[in-house]
Amino acid sequence: MGESSYYQGRNEAALKSFQEYIAVVPEGGRAGAAFYFMGEIYLRLVKYSHADIALSAAVQYSPGNARWWTRLGWAREKAADYDHAVLAYKKALSISPRLQDALDGVDRCSAVLR
């Protein structure tokens, strides 16, 4: 239900479904994906701190997912947390060294930190 609502742009309904899933099955096989989708919804809603929390949880369930680390970097960058954004982007690059979004993110954040 959550993913269906997410793809339909029904953010509040999707969040509710994902939150209910996590509450009922916190260690379920789709918990990481639920947190990832919650993070994406919070990005849509311009709630960057919420997105950081959700995406941080997602990467705990799936630490080898470079794209999720990149999205975590993006959430932190949007929240102007550039130091931690760089760390997330670099983690993504340690998994997938040619991931262009992560490379660009490191460059943008490093430029701001100089």
PDB file of N, CA and C in Angstrom:
ATOM      1  N   MET A   1       0.815  -1.188   0.000  1.00  0.00           N
ATOM      2  CA  MET A   1       0.000   0.000   0.000  1.00  0.00           C
ATOM      3  C   MET A   1       0.867   1.264   0.000  1.00  0.00           C
ATOM      4  N   GLY A   2       1.909   1.256   0.824  1.00  0.00           N
ATOM      5  CA  GLY A   2       2.755   2.435   0.927  1.00  0.00           C
ATOM      6  C   GLY A   2       3.418   2.791  -0.387  1.00  0.00           C
ATOM      7  N   GLU A   3       3.976   1.788  -1.051  1.00  0.00           N
ATOM      8  CA  GLU A   3       4.653   2.059  -2.317  1.00  0.00           C
ATOM      9  C   GLU A   3       3.670   2.528  -3.374  1.00  0.00           C
ATOM     10  N   SER A   4       2.501   1.934  -3.414  1.00  0.00           N
ATOM     11  CA  SER A   4       1.482   2.352  -4.371  1.00  0.00           C
ATOM     12  C   SER A   4       1.116   3.818  -4.145  1.00  0.00           C
ATOM     13  N   SER A   5       0.881   4.181  -2.907  1.00  0.00           N
ATOM     14  CA  SER A   5       0.550   5.575  -2.584  1.00  0.00           C
ATOM     15  C   SER A   5       1.718   6.505  -2.915  1.00  0.00           C
ATOM     16  N   TYR A   6       2.933   6.043  -2.655  1.00  0.00           N
ATOM     17  CA  TYR A   6       4.118   6.841  -2.954  1.00  0.00           C
ATOM     18  C   TYR A   6       4.168   7.179  -4.445  1.00  0.00           C
ATOM     19  N   TYR A   7       4.016   6.171  -5.292  1.00  0.00           N
ATOM     20  CA  TYR A   7       4.112   6.391  -6.734  1.00  0.00           C
ATOM     21  C   TYR A   7       2.937   7.196  -7.285  1.00  0.00           C
ATOM     22  N   GLN A   8       1.845   7.233  -6.553  1.00  0.00           N
ATOM     23  CA  GLN A   8       0.698   8.045  -6.953  1.00  0.00           C
ATOM     24  C   GLN A   8       0.816   9.475  -6.427  1.00  0.00           C
ATOM     25  N   GLY A   9       1.873   9.746  -5.660  1.00  0.00           N
ATOM     26  CA  GLY A   9       2.070  11.080  -5.109  1.00  0.00           C
ATOM     27  C   GLY A   9       1.212  11.373  -3.895  1.00  0.00           C
ATOM     28  N   ARG A  10       0.646  10.343  -3.315  1.00  0.00           N
ATOM     29  CA  ARG A  10      -0.188  10.495  -2.122  1.00  0.00           C
ATOM     30  C   ARG A  10       0.712  10.361  -0.885  1.00  0.00           C
ATOM     31  N   ASN A  11       1.437  11.422  -0.619  1.00  0.00           N
ATOM     32  CA  ASN A  11       2.501  11.391   0.389  1.00  0.00           C
ATOM     33  C   ASN A  11       2.008  11.035   1.783  1.00  0.00           C
ATOM     34  N   GLU A  12       0.947  11.672   2.247  1.00  0.00           N
ATOM     35  CA  GLU A  12       0.464  11.418   3.603  1.00  0.00           C
ATOM     36  C   GLU A  12      -0.010   9.973   3.765  1.00  0.00           C
ATOM     37  N   ALA A  13      -0.726   9.464   2.774  1.00  0.00           N
ATOM     38  CA  ALA A  13      -1.201   8.074   2.840  1.00  0.00           C
ATOM     39  C   ALA A  13      -0.023   7.108   2.820  1.00  0.00           C
ATOM     40  N   ALA A  14       0.971   7.402   1.998  1.00  0.00           N
ATOM     41  CA  ALA A  14       2.158   6.545   1.917  1.00  0.00           C
ATOM     42  C   ALA A  14       2.905   6.548   3.249  1.00  0.00           C
ATOM     43  N   LEU A  15       3.110   7.732   3.816  1.00  0.00           N
ATOM     44  CA  LEU A  15       3.803   7.822   5.108  1.00  0.00           C
ATOM     45  C   LEU A  15       3.081   7.001   6.164  1.00  0.00           C
ATOM     46  N   LYS A  16       1.767   7.132   6.204  1.00  0.00           N
ATOM     47  CA  LYS A  16       0.980   6.386   7.187  1.00  0.00           C
ATOM     48  C   LYS A  16       1.182   4.886   7.017  1.00  0.00           C
ATOM     49  N   SER A  17       1.148   4.411   5.782  1.00  0.00           N
ATOM     50  CA  SER A  17       1.332   2.975   5.523  1.00  0.00           C
ATOM     51  C   SER A  17       2.718   2.513   5.940  1.00  0.00           C
ATOM     52  N   PHE A  18       3.742   3.285   5.592  1.00  0.00           N
ATOM     53  CA  PHE A  18       5.104   2.902   5.951  1.00  0.00           C
ATOM     54  C   PHE A  18       5.309   2.927   7.465  1.00  0.00           C
ATOM     55  N   GLN A  19       4.759   3.921   8.130  1.00  0.00           N
ATOM     56  CA  GLN A  19       4.882   4.002   9.580  1.00  0.00           C
ATOM     57  C   GLN A  19       4.180   2.834  10.257  1.00  0.00           C
ATOM     58  N   GLU A  20       3.026   2.460   9.750  1.00  0.00           N
ATOM     59  CA  GLU A  20       2.310   1.312  10.315  1.00  0.00           C
ATOM     60  C   GLU A  20       3.104   0.026  10.116  1.00  0.00           C
ATOM     61  N   TYR A  21       3.704  -0.131   8.943  1.00  0.00           N
ATOM     62  CA  TYR A  21       4.520  -1.316   8.675  1.00  0.00           C
ATOM     63  C   TYR A  21       5.675  -1.406   9.667  1.00  0.00           C
ATOM     64  N   ILE A  22       6.382  -0.286   9.845  1.00  0.00           N
ATOM     65  CA  ILE A  22       7.532  -0.266  10.761  1.00  0.00           C
ATOM     66  C   ILE A  22       7.085  -0.571  12.184  1.00  0.00           C
ATOM     67  N   ALA A  23       5.936  -0.042  12.575  1.00  0.00           N
ATOM     68  CA  ALA A  23       5.437  -0.270  13.939  1.00  0.00           C
ATOM     69  C   ALA A  23       5.095  -1.735  14.171  1.00  0.00           C
ATOM     70  N   VAL A  24       4.560  -2.395  13.141  1.00  0.00           N
ATOM     71  CA  VAL A  24       4.127  -3.787  13.284  1.00  0.00           C
ATOM     72  C   VAL A  24       5.288  -4.761  13.070  1.00  0.00           C
ATOM     73  N   VAL A  25       6.143  -4.462  12.099  1.00  0.00           N
ATOM     74  CA  VAL A  25       7.228  -5.388  11.741  1.00  0.00           C
ATOM     75  C   VAL A  25       8.546  -4.608  11.651  1.00  0.00           C
ATOM     76  N   PRO A  26       9.076  -4.150  12.794  1.00  0.00           N
ATOM     77  CA  PRO A  26      10.271  -3.304  12.750  1.00  0.00           C
ATOM     78  C   PRO A  26      11.504  -3.972  12.143  1.00  0.00           C
ATOM     79  N   GLU A  27      11.566  -5.268  12.184  1.00  0.00           N
ATOM     80  CA  GLU A  27      12.703  -5.982  11.598  1.00  0.00           C
ATOM     81  C   GLU A  27      12.282  -6.764  10.350  1.00  0.00           C
ATOM     82  N   GLY A  28      11.169  -6.357   9.760  1.00  0.00           N
ATOM     83  CA  GLY A  28      10.663  -7.050   8.577  1.00  0.00           C
ATOM     84  C   GLY A  28      11.588  -6.902   7.384  1.00  0.00           C
ATOM     85  N   GLY A  29      11.405  -7.745   6.431  1.00  0.00           N
ATOM     86  CA  GLY A  29      12.256  -7.772   5.251  1.00  0.00           C
ATOM     87  C   GLY A  29      12.199  -6.516   4.408  1.00  0.00           C
ATOM     88  N   ARG A  30      11.157  -5.724   4.568  1.00  0.00           N
ATOM     89  CA  ARG A  30      11.004  -4.497   3.783  1.00  0.00           C
ATOM     90  C   ARG A  30      11.193  -3.234   4.629  1.00  0.00           C
ATOM     91  N   ALA A  31      11.702  -3.393   5.856  1.00  0.00           N
ATOM     92  CA  ALA A  31      11.860  -2.238   6.738  1.00  0.00           C
ATOM     93  C   ALA A  31      12.807  -1.197   6.136  1.00  0.00           C
ATOM     94  N   GLY A  32      13.907  -1.641   5.575  1.00  0.00           N
ATOM     95  CA  GLY A  32      14.838  -0.701   4.963  1.00  0.00           C
ATOM     96  C   GLY A  32      14.189   0.080   3.842  1.00  0.00           C
ATOM     97  N   ALA A  33      13.442  -0.617   3.004  1.00  0.00           N
ATOM     98  CA  ALA A  33      12.742   0.052   1.902  1.00  0.00           C
ATOM     99  C   ALA A  33      11.692   1.019   2.438  1.00  0.00           C
ATOM    100  N   ALA A  34      10.996   0.631   3.500  1.00  0.00           N
ATOM    101  CA  ALA A  34       9.994   1.514   4.090  1.00  0.00           C
ATOM    102  C   ALA A  34      10.653   2.803   4.567  1.00  0.00           C
ATOM    103  N   PHE A  35      11.780   2.687   5.258  1.00  0.00           N
ATOM    104  CA  PHE A  35      12.483   3.884   5.714  1.00  0.00           C
ATOM    105  C   PHE A  35      12.986   4.708   4.527  1.00  0.00           C
ATOM    106  N   TYR A  36      13.468   4.041   3.485  1.00  0.00           N
ATOM    107  CA  TYR A  36      13.928   4.763   2.296  1.00  0.00           C
ATOM    108  C   TYR A  36      12.787   5.582   1.688  1.00  0.00           C
ATOM    109  N   PHE A  37      11.648   4.953   1.486  1.00  0.00           N
ATOM    110  CA  PHE A  37      10.512   5.667   0.896  1.00  0.00           C
ATOM    111  C   PHE A  37      10.056   6.800   1.809  1.00  0.00           C
ATOM    112  N   MET A  38      10.082   6.578   3.111  1.00  0.00           N
ATOM    113  CA  MET A  38       9.731   7.653   4.040  1.00  0.00           C
ATOM    114  C   MET A  38      10.698   8.831   3.862  1.00  0.00           C
ATOM    115  N   GLY A  39      11.976   8.520   3.706  1.00  0.00           N
ATOM    116  CA  GLY A  39      12.962   9.577   3.477  1.00  0.00           C
ATOM    117  C   GLY A  39      12.676  10.347   2.211  1.00  0.00           C
ATOM    118  N   GLU A  40      12.328   9.642   1.154  1.00  0.00           N
ATOM    119  CA  GLU A  40      12.008  10.307  -0.111  1.00  0.00           C
ATOM    120  C   GLU A  40      10.769  11.196   0.032  1.00  0.00           C
ATOM    121  N   ILE A  41       9.794  10.722   0.769  1.00  0.00           N
ATOM    122  CA  ILE A  41       8.588  11.534   0.985  1.00  0.00           C
ATOM    123  C   ILE A  41       8.945  12.794   1.766  1.00  0.00           C
ATOM    124  N   TYR A  42       9.752  12.645   2.801  1.00  0.00           N
ATOM    125  CA  TYR A  42      10.149  13.826   3.572  1.00  0.00           C
ATOM    126  C   TYR A  42      10.944  14.806   2.711  1.00  0.00           C
ATOM    127  N   LEU A  43      11.738  14.302   1.767  1.00  0.00           N
ATOM    128  CA  LEU A  43      12.415  15.207   0.833  1.00  0.00           C
ATOM    129  C   LEU A  43      11.384  15.968   0.001  1.00  0.00           C
ATOM    130  N   ARG A  44      10.353  15.266  -0.473  1.00  0.00           N
ATOM    131  CA  ARG A  44       9.289  15.926  -1.233  1.00  0.00           C
ATOM    132  C   ARG A  44       8.611  17.014  -0.413  1.00  0.00           C
ATOM    133  N   LEU A  45       8.460  16.754   0.882  1.00  0.00           N
ATOM    134  CA  LEU A  45       7.761  17.670   1.770  1.00  0.00           C
ATOM    135  C   LEU A  45       8.675  18.754   2.345  1.00  0.00           C
ATOM    136  N   VAL A  46       9.931  18.755   1.918  1.00  0.00           N
ATOM    137  CA  VAL A  46      10.942  19.716   2.353  1.00  0.00           C
ATOM    138  C   VAL A  46      11.134  19.649   3.876  1.00  0.00           C
ATOM    139  N   LYS A  47      11.152  18.439   4.390  1.00  0.00           N
ATOM    140  CA  LYS A  47      11.435  18.187   5.806  1.00  0.00           C
ATOM    141  C   LYS A  47      12.761  17.428   5.865  1.00  0.00           C
ATOM    142  N   TYR A  48      13.841  18.180   5.710  1.00  0.00           N
ATOM    143  CA  TYR A  48      15.152  17.572   5.521  1.00  0.00           C
ATOM    144  C   TYR A  48      15.667  16.832   6.754  1.00  0.00           C
ATOM    145  N   SER A  49      15.385  17.316   7.929  1.00  0.00           N
ATOM    146  CA  SER A  49      15.820  16.610   9.138  1.00  0.00           C
ATOM    147  C   SER A  49      15.099  15.273   9.266  1.00  0.00           C
ATOM    148  N   HIS A  50      13.799  15.272   8.947  1.00  0.00           N
ATOM    149  CA  HIS A  50      13.042  14.020   8.957  1.00  0.00           C
ATOM    150  C   HIS A  50      13.602  13.050   7.911  1.00  0.00           C
ATOM    151  N   ALA A  51      13.931  13.604   6.748  1.00  0.00           N
ATOM    152  CA  ALA A  51      14.497  12.771   5.679  1.00  0.00           C
ATOM    153  C   ALA A  51      15.823  12.167   6.125  1.00  0.00           C
ATOM    154  N   ASP A  52      16.645  12.956   6.795  1.00  0.00           N
ATOM    155  CA  ASP A  52      17.932  12.473   7.306  1.00  0.00           C
ATOM    156  C   ASP A  52      17.711  11.287   8.244  1.00  0.00           C
ATOM    157  N   ILE A  53      16.770  11.418   9.155  1.00  0.00           N
ATOM    158  CA  ILE A  53      16.501  10.345  10.115  1.00  0.00           C
ATOM    159  C   ILE A  53      16.033   9.079   9.398  1.00  0.00           C
ATOM    160  N   ALA A  54      15.082   9.223   8.494  1.00  0.00           N
ATOM    161  CA  ALA A  54      14.537   8.058   7.782  1.00  0.00           C
ATOM    162  C   ALA A  54      15.597   7.403   6.902  1.00  0.00           C
ATOM    163  N   LEU A  55      16.353   8.201   6.168  1.00  0.00           N
ATOM    164  CA  LEU A  55      17.375   7.632   5.281  1.00  0.00           C
ATOM    165  C   LEU A  55      18.536   7.043   6.080  1.00  0.00           C
ATOM    166  N   SER A  56      18.842   7.631   7.233  1.00  0.00           N
ATOM    167  CA  SER A  56      19.873   7.038   8.097  1.00  0.00           C
ATOM    168  C   SER A  56      19.443   5.657   8.564  1.00  0.00           C
ATOM    169  N   ALA A  57      18.170   5.516   8.875  1.00  0.00           N
ATOM    170  CA  ALA A  57      17.650   4.195   9.256  1.00  0.00           C
ATOM    171  C   ALA A  57      17.708   3.243   8.073  1.00  0.00           C
ATOM    172  N   ALA A  58      17.364   3.737   6.888  1.00  0.00           N
ATOM    173  CA  ALA A  58      17.368   2.881   5.691  1.00  0.00           C
ATOM    174  C   ALA A  58      18.750   2.288   5.435  1.00  0.00           C
ATOM    175  N   VAL A  59      19.788   3.119   5.542  1.00  0.00           N
ATOM    176  CA  VAL A  59      21.129   2.608   5.258  1.00  0.00           C
ATOM    177  C   VAL A  59      21.636   1.678   6.355  1.00  0.00           C
ATOM    178  N   GLN A  60      21.037   1.730   7.534  1.00  0.00           N
ATOM    179  CA  GLN A  60      21.379   0.756   8.570  1.00  0.00           C
ATOM    180  C   GLN A  60      20.888  -0.635   8.166  1.00  0.00           C
ATOM    181  N   TYR A  61      19.761  -0.682   7.493  1.00  0.00           N
ATOM    182  CA  TYR A  61      19.224  -1.959   7.024  1.00  0.00           C
ATOM    183  C   TYR A  61      19.926  -2.442   5.760  1.00  0.00           C
ATOM    184  N   SER A  62      20.411  -1.505   4.960  1.00  0.00           N
ATOM    185  CA  SER A  62      21.042  -1.871   3.696  1.00  0.00           C
ATOM    186  C   SER A  62      22.292  -1.005   3.490  1.00  0.00           C
ATOM    187  N   PRO A  63      23.359  -1.288   4.256  1.00  0.00           N
ATOM    188  CA  PRO A  63      24.545  -0.433   4.204  1.00  0.00           C
ATOM    189  C   PRO A  63      25.307  -0.478   2.882  1.00  0.00           C
ATOM    190  N   GLY A  64      25.019  -1.435   2.043  1.00  0.00           N
ATOM    191  CA  GLY A  64      25.707  -1.534   0.763  1.00  0.00           C
ATOM    192  C   GLY A  64      24.981  -0.860  -0.383  1.00  0.00           C
ATOM    193  N   ASN A  65      23.941  -0.095  -0.089  1.00  0.00           N
ATOM    194  CA  ASN A  65      23.157   0.560  -1.132  1.00  0.00           C
ATOM    195  C   ASN A  65      23.688   1.976  -1.356  1.00  0.00           C
ATOM    196  N   ALA A  66      24.515   2.126  -2.381  1.00  0.00           N
ATOM    197  CA  ALA A  66      25.168   3.406  -2.653  1.00  0.00           C
ATOM    198  C   ALA A  66      24.162   4.504  -2.976  1.00  0.00           C
ATOM    199  N   ARG A  67      23.105   4.162  -3.672  1.00  0.00           N
ATOM    200  CA  ARG A  67      22.105   5.190  -4.022  1.00  0.00           C
ATOM    201  C   ARG A  67      21.405   5.728  -2.776  1.00  0.00           C
ATOM    202  N   TRP A  68      21.133   4.877  -1.816  1.00  0.00           N
ATOM    203  CA  TRP A  68      20.502   5.352  -0.578  1.00  0.00           C
ATOM    204  C   TRP A  68      21.451   6.258   0.192  1.00  0.00           C
ATOM    205  N   TRP A  69      22.739   5.932   0.205  1.00  0.00           N
ATOM    206  CA  TRP A  69      23.720   6.808   0.847  1.00  0.00           C
ATOM    207  C   TRP A  69      23.766   8.160   0.130  1.00  0.00           C
ATOM    208  N   THR A  70      23.640   8.149  -1.174  1.00  0.00           N
ATOM    209  CA  THR A  70      23.641   9.397  -1.935  1.00  0.00           C
ATOM    210  C   THR A  70      22.422  10.240  -1.586  1.00  0.00           C
ATOM    211  N   ARG A  71      21.274   9.612  -1.454  1.00  0.00           N
ATOM    212  CA  ARG A  71      20.068  10.350  -1.076  1.00  0.00           C
ATOM    213  C   ARG A  71      20.194  10.909   0.343  1.00  0.00           C
ATOM    214  N   LEU A  72      20.855  10.161   1.229  1.00  0.00           N
ATOM    215  CA  LEU A  72      21.119  10.667   2.574  1.00  0.00           C
ATOM    216  C   LEU A  72      22.024  11.902   2.485  1.00  0.00           C
ATOM    217  N   GLY A  73      23.038  11.826   1.643  1.00  0.00           N
ATOM    218  CA  GLY A  73      23.900  12.989   1.431  1.00  0.00           C
ATOM    219  C   GLY A  73      23.111  14.187   0.929  1.00  0.00           C
ATOM    220  N   TRP A  74      22.191  13.951   0.005  1.00  0.00           N
ATOM    221  CA  TRP A  74      21.364  15.022  -0.549  1.00  0.00           C
ATOM    222  C   TRP A  74      20.494  15.655   0.544  1.00  0.00           C
ATOM    223  N   ALA A  75      19.876  14.828   1.389  1.00  0.00           N
ATOM    224  CA  ALA A  75      19.040  15.348   2.479  1.00  0.00           C
ATOM    225  C   ALA A  75      19.882  16.220   3.402  1.00  0.00           C
ATOM    226  N   ARG A  76      21.064  15.772   3.722  1.00  0.00           N
ATOM    227  CA  ARG A  76      21.938  16.540   4.608  1.00  0.00           C
ATOM    228  C   ARG A  76      22.424  17.816   3.921  1.00  0.00           C
ATOM    229  N   GLU A  77      22.717  17.722   2.651  1.00  0.00           N
ATOM    230  CA  GLU A  77      23.131  18.910   1.904  1.00  0.00           C
ATOM    231  C   GLU A  77      22.008  19.950   1.886  1.00  0.00           C
ATOM    232  N   LYS A  78      20.790  19.516   1.640  1.00  0.00           N
ATOM    233  CA  LYS A  78      19.652  20.433   1.612  1.00  0.00           C
ATOM    234  C   LYS A  78      19.420  21.065   2.979  1.00  0.00           C
ATOM    235  N   ALA A  79      19.786  20.365   4.043  1.00  0.00           N
ATOM    236  CA  ALA A  79      19.656  20.895   5.402  1.00  0.00           C
ATOM    237  C   ALA A  79      20.871  21.743   5.792  1.00  0.00           C
ATOM    238  N   ALA A  80      21.778  21.948   4.854  1.00  0.00           N
ATOM    239  CA  ALA A  80      23.007  22.717   5.065  1.00  0.00           C
ATOM    240  C   ALA A  80      23.932  22.057   6.087  1.00  0.00           C
ATOM    241  N   ASP A  81      23.857  20.746   6.206  1.00  0.00           N
ATOM    242  CA  ASP A  81      24.748  19.969   7.068  1.00  0.00           C
ATOM    243  C   ASP A  81      25.838  19.381   6.167  1.00  0.00           C
ATOM    244  N   TYR A  82      26.695  20.262   5.667  1.00  0.00           N
ATOM    245  CA  TYR A  82      27.628  19.897   4.612  1.00  0.00           C
ATOM    246  C   TYR A  82      28.674  18.879   5.032  1.00  0.00           C
ATOM    247  N   ASP A  83      29.169  18.982   6.263  1.00  0.00           N
ATOM    248  CA  ASP A  83      30.170  18.014   6.738  1.00  0.00           C
ATOM    249  C   ASP A  83      29.610  16.590   6.695  1.00  0.00           C
ATOM    250  N   HIS A  84      28.402  16.422   7.220  1.00  0.00           N
ATOM    251  CA  HIS A  84      27.803  15.086   7.244  1.00  0.00           C
ATOM    252  C   HIS A  84      27.327  14.649   5.861  1.00  0.00           C
ATOM    253  N   ALA A  85      26.967  15.614   5.037  1.00  0.00           N
ATOM    254  CA  ALA A  85      26.607  15.284   3.651  1.00  0.00           C
ATOM    255  C   ALA A  85      27.809  14.676   2.933  1.00  0.00           C
ATOM    256  N   VAL A  86      28.969  15.290   3.113  1.00  0.00           N
ATOM    257  CA  VAL A  86      30.191  14.763   2.483  1.00  0.00           C
ATOM    258  C   VAL A  86      30.464  13.339   2.957  1.00  0.00           C
ATOM    259  N   LEU A  87      30.274  13.094   4.241  1.00  0.00           N
ATOM    260  CA  LEU A  87      30.494  11.738   4.757  1.00  0.00           C
ATOM    261  C   LEU A  87      29.570  10.728   4.083  1.00  0.00           C
ATOM    262  N   ALA A  88      28.307  11.084   3.912  1.00  0.00           N
ATOM    263  CA  ALA A  88      27.362  10.171   3.258  1.00  0.00           C
ATOM    264  C   ALA A  88      27.728   9.975   1.791  1.00  0.00           C
ATOM    265  N   TYR A  89      28.054  11.050   1.113  1.00  0.00           N
ATOM    266  CA  TYR A  89      28.451  10.933  -0.295  1.00  0.00           C
ATOM    267  C   TYR A  89      29.713  10.066  -0.438  1.00  0.00           C
ATOM    268  N   LYS A  90      30.665  10.250   0.452  1.00  0.00           N
ATOM    269  CA  LYS A  90      31.895   9.456   0.383  1.00  0.00           C
ATOM    270  C   LYS A  90      31.624   7.984   0.679  1.00  0.00           C
ATOM    271  N   LYS A  91      30.681   7.711   1.557  1.00  0.00           N
ATOM    272  CA  LYS A  91      30.298   6.313   1.806  1.00  0.00           C
ATOM    273  C   LYS A  91      29.711   5.717   0.529  1.00  0.00           C
ATOM    274  N   ALA A  92      28.865   6.482  -0.149  1.00  0.00           N
ATOM    275  CA  ALA A  92      28.307   6.014  -1.425  1.00  0.00           C
ATOM    276  C   ALA A  92      29.423   5.720  -2.415  1.00  0.00           C
ATOM    277  N   LEU A  93      30.410   6.591  -2.465  1.00  0.00           N
ATOM    278  CA  LEU A  93      31.524   6.412  -3.410  1.00  0.00           C
ATOM    279  C   LEU A  93      32.421   5.241  -3.025  1.00  0.00           C
ATOM    280  N   SER A  94      32.485   4.920  -1.746  1.00  0.00           N
ATOM    281  CA  SER A  94      33.271   3.755  -1.345  1.00  0.00           C
ATOM    282  C   SER A  94      32.617   2.468  -1.844  1.00  0.00           C
ATOM    283  N   ILE A  95      31.325   2.521  -2.073  1.00  0.00           N
ATOM    284  CA  ILE A  95      30.571   1.364  -2.579  1.00  0.00           C
ATOM    285  C   ILE A  95      30.549   1.360  -4.097  1.00  0.00           C
ATOM    286  N   SER A  96      30.343   2.545  -4.660  1.00  0.00           N
ATOM    287  CA  SER A  96      30.221   2.699  -6.115  1.00  0.00           C
ATOM    288  C   SER A  96      31.014   3.937  -6.537  1.00  0.00           C
ATOM    289  N   PRO A  97      32.308   3.774  -6.819  1.00  0.00           N
ATOM    290  CA  PRO A  97      33.201   4.917  -7.030  1.00  0.00           C
ATOM    291  C   PRO A  97      32.855   5.845  -8.191  1.00  0.00           C
ATOM    292  N   ARG A  98      32.050   5.410  -9.110  1.00  0.00           N
ATOM    293  CA  ARG A  98      31.721   6.252 -10.269  1.00  0.00           C
ATOM    294  C   ARG A  98      30.302   6.817 -10.223  1.00  0.00           C
ATOM    295  N   LEU A  99      29.679   6.757  -9.087  1.00  0.00           N
ATOM    296  CA  LEU A  99      28.308   7.236  -8.960  1.00  0.00           C
ATOM    297  C   LEU A  99      28.303   8.768  -9.082  1.00  0.00           C
ATOM    298  N   GLN A 100      27.829   9.248 -10.223  1.00  0.00           N
ATOM    299  CA  GLN A 100      27.952  10.662 -10.558  1.00  0.00           C
ATOM    300  C   GLN A 100      27.248  11.579  -9.569  1.00  0.00           C
ATOM    301  N   ASP A 101      26.077  11.204  -9.096  1.00  0.00           N
ATOM    302  CA  ASP A 101      25.371  12.061  -8.135  1.00  0.00           C
ATOM    303  C   ASP A 101      26.185  12.249  -6.860  1.00  0.00           C
ATOM    304  N   ALA A 102      26.857  11.203  -6.418  1.00  0.00           N
ATOM    305  CA  ALA A 102      27.693  11.299  -5.217  1.00  0.00           C
ATOM    306  C   ALA A 102      28.947  12.131  -5.498  1.00  0.00           C
ATOM    307  N   LEU A 103      29.550  11.938  -6.651  1.00  0.00           N
ATOM    308  CA  LEU A 103      30.721  12.744  -7.017  1.00  0.00           C
ATOM    309  C   LEU A 103      30.354  14.225  -7.051  1.00  0.00           C
ATOM    310  N   ASP A 104      29.231  14.540  -7.683  1.00  0.00           N
ATOM    311  CA  ASP A 104      28.777  15.928  -7.759  1.00  0.00           C
ATOM    312  C   ASP A 104      28.477  16.487  -6.370  1.00  0.00           C
ATOM    313  N   GLY A 105      27.873  15.658  -5.521  1.00  0.00           N
ATOM    314  CA  GLY A 105      27.543  16.092  -4.169  1.00  0.00           C
ATOM    315  C   GLY A 105      28.784  16.443  -3.364  1.00  0.00           C
ATOM    316  N   VAL A 106      29.799  15.595  -3.450  1.00  0.00           N
ATOM    317  CA  VAL A 106      31.057  15.884  -2.745  1.00  0.00           C
ATOM    318  C   VAL A 106      31.623  17.210  -3.235  1.00  0.00           C
ATOM    319  N   ASP A 107      31.617  17.415  -4.545  1.00  0.00           N
ATOM    320  CA  ASP A 107      32.155  18.654  -5.101  1.00  0.00           C
ATOM    321  C   ASP A 107      31.379  19.882  -4.606  1.00  0.00           C
ATOM    322  N   ARG A 108      30.049  19.802  -4.636  1.00  0.00           N
ATOM    323  CA  ARG A 108      29.219  20.942  -4.199  1.00  0.00           C
ATOM    324  C   ARG A 108      29.457  21.257  -2.720  1.00  0.00           C
ATOM    325  N   CYS A 109      29.420  20.230  -1.892  1.00  0.00           N
ATOM    326  CA  CYS A 109      29.570  20.438  -0.450  1.00  0.00           C
ATOM    327  C   CYS A 109      30.977  20.895  -0.101  1.00  0.00           C
ATOM    328  N   SER A 110      31.965  20.323  -0.741  1.00  0.00           N
ATOM    329  CA  SER A 110      33.353  20.721  -0.474  1.00  0.00           C
ATOM    330  C   SER A 110      33.581  22.177  -0.855  1.00  0.00           C
ATOM    331  N   ALA A 111      32.952  22.617  -1.924  1.00  0.00           N
ATOM    332  CA  ALA A 111      33.082  24.017  -2.349  1.00  0.00           C
ATOM    333  C   ALA A 111      32.494  24.957  -1.291  1.00  0.00           C
ATOM    334  N   VAL A 112      31.380  24.562  -0.701  1.00  0.00           N
ATOM    335  CA  VAL A 112      30.749  25.386   0.337  1.00  0.00           C
ATOM    336  C   VAL A 112      31.624  25.409   1.592  1.00  0.00           C
ATOM    337  N   LEU A 113      32.255  24.295   1.910  1.00  0.00           N
ATOM    338  CA  LEU A 113      33.058  24.198   3.132  1.00  0.00           C
ATOM    339  C   LEU A 113      34.401  24.921   3.031  1.00  0.00           C
ATOM    340  N   ARG A 114      34.811  25.232   1.828  1.00  0.00           N
ATOM    341  CA  ARG A 114      36.111  25.939   1.670  1.00  0.00           C
ATOM    342  C   ARG A 114      36.032  27.362   2.100  1.00  0.00           C
TER     343      ARG A 114
END
